[in-house]
Amino acid sequence: MPQVTFIEHNGKPHQVEAVVGLSLMRAAVDNNVPRIDAHCGGACACATCHVYVDAAWQGRTGVRTTMENDMLNFAAVTQANSRLACQIPITEALDGLVVTMPEGQH
């Protein structure tokens, strides 16, 4: 299984195993990563799984859809590398992925 690292805004890392075919959000929720609330359950209907994708990984995580862009309007402090974890499917190519969580996310 691919290893993914979620880094809290304070620098605390959470390395988890992610199941291929599920979403990055699901990997966080299934492994009790704090600050990934996923209120909508992965339906791209909220922004409670907002993450910043490390620059080295942006090309492998896909591009934002229009719906994802719309939901990111509700996220705290978006950046060019902002993504909703529910919209990033886990593949073997994401082994080693690093994402950071924004400070303002509860």
Protein backbone atom coordinates (compact mmCIF):
# COMPACT_ATOMS: atom_id res chain seq x y z
CA MET A 1 0.00 0.00 0.00
CA PRO A 2 1.22 3.52 -0.72
CA GLN A 3 2.52 5.54 2.22
CA VAL A 4 1.14 9.08 2.55
CA THR A 5 2.23 11.77 5.00
CA PHE A 6 -0.19 14.39 6.31
CA ILE A 7 1.57 17.27 8.05
CA GLU A 8 -0.35 19.42 10.50
CA HIS A 9 0.16 23.19 10.28
CA ASN A 10 2.41 22.94 13.36
CA GLY A 11 4.71 20.48 11.58
CA LYS A 12 3.51 17.26 13.23
CA PRO A 13 3.54 14.46 10.63
CA HIS A 14 1.07 11.59 10.36
CA GLN A 15 2.28 8.82 8.05
CA VAL A 16 -0.44 6.41 6.99
CA GLU A 17 -0.99 3.55 4.59
CA ALA A 18 -3.50 4.42 1.88
CA VAL A 19 -5.66 1.94 -0.01
CA VAL A 20 -5.30 2.11 -3.79
CA GLY A 21 -8.59 3.10 -5.38
CA LEU A 22 -9.87 5.05 -2.39
CA SER A 23 -9.41 8.78 -1.87
CA LEU A 24 -6.74 10.65 0.05
CA MET A 25 -9.53 11.86 2.34
CA ARG A 26 -10.54 8.25 3.06
CA ALA A 27 -6.91 7.45 3.98
CA ALA A 28 -6.95 10.31 6.50
CA VAL A 29 -10.31 9.43 8.02
CA ASP A 30 -9.58 5.68 8.19
CA ASN A 31 -6.31 6.44 10.01
CA ASN A 32 -7.71 9.09 12.39
CA VAL A 33 -5.62 11.94 10.99
CA PRO A 34 -6.70 15.06 12.91
CA ARG A 35 -8.12 18.10 11.09
CA ILE A 36 -9.53 16.12 8.16
CA ASP A 37 -13.20 16.15 9.14
CA ALA A 38 -14.73 15.12 5.79
CA HIS A 39 -18.22 16.27 6.74
CA CYS A 40 -19.68 15.46 3.31
CA GLY A 41 -18.16 11.98 3.21
CA GLY A 42 -16.22 12.63 0.03
CA ALA A 43 -19.00 14.08 -2.12
CA CYS A 44 -17.07 17.29 -2.91
CA ALA A 45 -19.77 19.23 -1.07
CA CYS A 46 -17.67 20.91 1.62
CA ALA A 47 -14.05 21.92 2.19
CA THR A 48 -13.28 20.06 5.42
CA CYS A 49 -10.64 17.88 3.77
CA HIS A 50 -8.62 20.81 2.38
CA VAL A 51 -4.90 20.10 2.01
CA TYR A 52 -1.89 21.69 0.36
CA VAL A 53 -0.14 19.28 -2.01
CA ASP A 54 3.65 19.41 -1.85
CA ALA A 55 5.06 20.90 -5.08
CA ALA A 56 6.88 17.70 -5.99
CA TRP A 57 3.56 15.84 -6.11
CA GLN A 58 1.23 18.29 -7.84
CA GLY A 59 1.63 16.73 -11.28
CA ARG A 60 0.68 13.28 -9.98
CA THR A 61 -2.45 14.24 -8.05
CA GLY A 62 -4.46 15.43 -11.05
CA VAL A 63 -6.12 18.78 -11.65
CA ARG A 64 -8.95 20.49 -9.85
CA THR A 65 -12.41 20.17 -11.32
CA THR A 66 -14.80 23.11 -11.51
CA MET A 67 -16.75 21.66 -8.59
CA GLU A 68 -13.59 21.33 -6.50
CA ASN A 69 -12.67 24.94 -7.27
CA ASP A 70 -16.14 26.03 -6.15
CA MET A 71 -15.84 24.16 -2.85
CA LEU A 72 -12.36 25.56 -2.21
CA ASN A 73 -14.01 29.00 -2.10
CA PHE A 74 -15.27 27.92 1.33
CA ALA A 75 -11.83 26.82 2.56
CA ALA A 76 -9.58 28.83 4.82
CA VAL A 77 -6.49 30.32 3.16
CA THR A 78 -6.36 28.64 -0.23
CA GLN A 79 -3.17 28.54 -2.24
CA ALA A 80 -2.24 27.46 -5.76
CA ASN A 81 -1.53 23.98 -4.39
CA SER A 82 -4.84 23.69 -2.49
CA ARG A 83 -6.84 20.52 -3.10
CA LEU A 84 -9.71 18.66 -1.53
CA ALA A 85 -8.38 15.31 -0.36
CA CYS A 86 -11.65 13.64 -1.38
CA GLN A 87 -10.84 14.47 -4.99
CA ILE A 88 -7.42 12.80 -5.06
CA PRO A 89 -7.67 9.07 -5.82
CA ILE A 90 -4.90 6.94 -4.36
CA THR A 91 -2.70 5.14 -6.88
CA GLU A 92 0.62 3.34 -6.51
CA ALA A 93 2.22 6.44 -8.10
CA LEU A 94 1.33 8.40 -4.95
CA ASP A 95 3.54 6.30 -2.67
CA GLY A 96 5.43 8.90 -0.61
CA LEU A 97 2.91 11.72 -1.18
CA VAL A 98 3.21 14.62 1.27
CA VAL A 99 0.36 17.03 2.00
CA THR A 100 0.05 19.78 4.59
CA MET A 101 -3.13 20.80 6.36
CA PRO A 102 -4.05 24.48 6.72
CA GLU A 103 -4.05 26.07 10.15
CA GLY A 104 -7.61 27.33 9.90
CA GLN A 105 -9.17 23.93 9.27
CA HIS A 106 -11.12 22.44 12.15
